[in-house]
Amino acid sequence: MPEICVFAAEGRSKEQKQGLCEDITAAVVKNFGVHKDVVIVQIVEIKLDAKSRGGVMYTELMAPKKPLA
């Protein structure tokens, strides 16, 4: 039984997550030749203050930019 785990920063809508799960399931069915009912997809949402890129926390990366004076 294929199980796929997706790690992502929080903030996506229910509809976005549903679409991702459907697309991943379809890809596994196509490429592994299994029935969709055995495919498990889990989305693990990470809080923005617990994830960084290039050493900068996502809370800073996602913050609105201050206008230059």
C-alpha atoms as a PDB file:
ATOM      1  CA  MET A   1       0.000   0.000   0.000  1.00  0.00           C
ATOM      2  CA  PRO A   2       1.733   3.210  -1.160  1.00  0.00           C
ATOM      3  CA  GLU A   3       1.881   6.007   1.388  1.00  0.00           C
ATOM      4  CA  ILE A   4       3.010   9.501   0.439  1.00  0.00           C
ATOM      5  CA  CYS A   5       3.860  12.198   2.951  1.00  0.00           C
ATOM      6  CA  VAL A   6       3.986  15.850   1.873  1.00  0.00           C
ATOM      7  CA  PHE A   7       5.590  18.445   4.127  1.00  0.00           C
ATOM      8  CA  ALA A   8       4.406  22.010   3.475  1.00  0.00           C
ATOM      9  CA  ALA A   9       4.263  25.365   5.196  1.00  0.00           C
ATOM     10  CA  GLU A  10       0.805  26.040   6.600  1.00  0.00           C
ATOM     11  CA  GLY A  11      -1.638  28.321   4.841  1.00  0.00           C
ATOM     12  CA  ARG A  12      -3.152  26.375   1.935  1.00  0.00           C
ATOM     13  CA  SER A  13      -6.933  26.131   1.620  1.00  0.00           C
ATOM     14  CA  LYS A  14      -8.899  22.916   2.040  1.00  0.00           C
ATOM     15  CA  GLU A  15      -9.572  22.978  -1.708  1.00  0.00           C
ATOM     16  CA  GLN A  16      -5.867  23.274  -2.548  1.00  0.00           C
ATOM     17  CA  LYS A  17      -4.983  20.363  -0.276  1.00  0.00           C
ATOM     18  CA  GLN A  18      -7.827  18.251  -1.701  1.00  0.00           C
ATOM     19  CA  GLY A  19      -6.624  18.943  -5.249  1.00  0.00           C
ATOM     20  CA  LEU A  20      -3.065  17.990  -4.358  1.00  0.00           C
ATOM     21  CA  CYS A  21      -4.219  14.732  -2.768  1.00  0.00           C
ATOM     22  CA  GLU A  22      -6.303  13.865  -5.834  1.00  0.00           C
ATOM     23  CA  ASP A  23      -3.415  14.594  -8.210  1.00  0.00           C
ATOM     24  CA  ILE A  24      -0.894  12.607  -6.163  1.00  0.00           C
ATOM     25  CA  THR A  25      -3.325   9.682  -5.895  1.00  0.00           C
ATOM     26  CA  ALA A  26      -3.866   9.683  -9.665  1.00  0.00           C
ATOM     27  CA  ALA A  27      -0.095   9.681 -10.285  1.00  0.00           C
ATOM     28  CA  VAL A  28       0.453   6.748  -7.923  1.00  0.00           C
ATOM     29  CA  VAL A  29      -2.404   4.777  -9.509  1.00  0.00           C
ATOM     30  CA  LYS A  30      -0.966   5.419 -12.990  1.00  0.00           C
ATOM     31  CA  ASN A  31       2.659   4.654 -12.178  1.00  0.00           C
ATOM     32  CA  PHE A  32       2.332   1.902  -9.563  1.00  0.00           C
ATOM     33  CA  GLY A  33      -0.692   0.161 -11.076  1.00  0.00           C
ATOM     34  CA  VAL A  34      -2.655   0.060  -7.820  1.00  0.00           C
ATOM     35  CA  HIS A  35      -6.271   0.882  -6.983  1.00  0.00           C
ATOM     36  CA  LYS A  36      -6.859   4.381  -5.627  1.00  0.00           C
ATOM     37  CA  ASP A  37      -8.382   2.997  -2.423  1.00  0.00           C
ATOM     38  CA  VAL A  38      -4.976   1.734  -1.240  1.00  0.00           C
ATOM     39  CA  VAL A  39      -3.153   5.038  -1.756  1.00  0.00           C
ATOM     40  CA  ILE A  40      -2.595   7.090   1.397  1.00  0.00           C
ATOM     41  CA  VAL A  41      -1.592  10.750   1.138  1.00  0.00           C
ATOM     42  CA  GLN A  42      -0.761  12.714   4.264  1.00  0.00           C
ATOM     43  CA  ILE A  43      -0.072  16.449   4.321  1.00  0.00           C
ATOM     44  CA  VAL A  44       2.019  17.568   7.274  1.00  0.00           C
ATOM     45  CA  GLU A  45       1.618  21.304   7.758  1.00  0.00           C
ATOM     46  CA  ILE A  46       4.528  23.103   9.364  1.00  0.00           C
ATOM     47  CA  LYS A  47       3.963  26.371  11.225  1.00  0.00           C
ATOM     48  CA  LEU A  48       5.631  29.343   9.564  1.00  0.00           C
ATOM     49  CA  ASP A  49       7.673  30.032  12.702  1.00  0.00           C
ATOM     50  CA  ALA A  50       9.126  26.501  12.566  1.00  0.00           C
ATOM     51  CA  LYS A  51      10.452  26.553   8.981  1.00  0.00           C
ATOM     52  CA  SER A  52      13.185  28.549   7.281  1.00  0.00           C
ATOM     53  CA  ARG A  53      14.745  29.061   3.872  1.00  0.00           C
ATOM     54  CA  GLY A  54      18.319  30.273   3.654  1.00  0.00           C
ATOM     55  CA  GLY A  55      18.366  30.741   7.419  1.00  0.00           C
ATOM     56  CA  VAL A  56      15.406  33.143   7.347  1.00  0.00           C
ATOM     57  CA  MET A  57      12.227  32.049   9.113  1.00  0.00           C
ATOM     58  CA  TYR A  58       9.109  31.812   6.968  1.00  0.00           C
ATOM     59  CA  THR A  59       7.369  34.300   9.257  1.00  0.00           C
ATOM     60  CA  GLU A  60       9.910  36.864   7.999  1.00  0.00           C
ATOM     61  CA  LEU A  61       9.825  35.678   4.398  1.00  0.00           C
ATOM     62  CA  MET A  62       6.023  35.923   4.291  1.00  0.00           C
ATOM     63  CA  ALA A  63       5.774  39.246   6.165  1.00  0.00           C
ATOM     64  CA  PRO A  64       4.497  42.226   4.193  1.00  0.00           C
ATOM     65  CA  LYS A  65       7.367  44.300   2.849  1.00  0.00           C
ATOM     66  CA  LYS A  66       7.818  47.741   4.410  1.00  0.00           C
ATOM     67  CA  PRO A  67       7.916  50.599   1.905  1.00  0.00           C
ATOM     68  CA  LEU A  68      11.271  52.301   1.497  1.00  0.00           C
ATOM     69  CA  ALA A  69      11.257  55.891   2.761  1.00  0.00           C
END
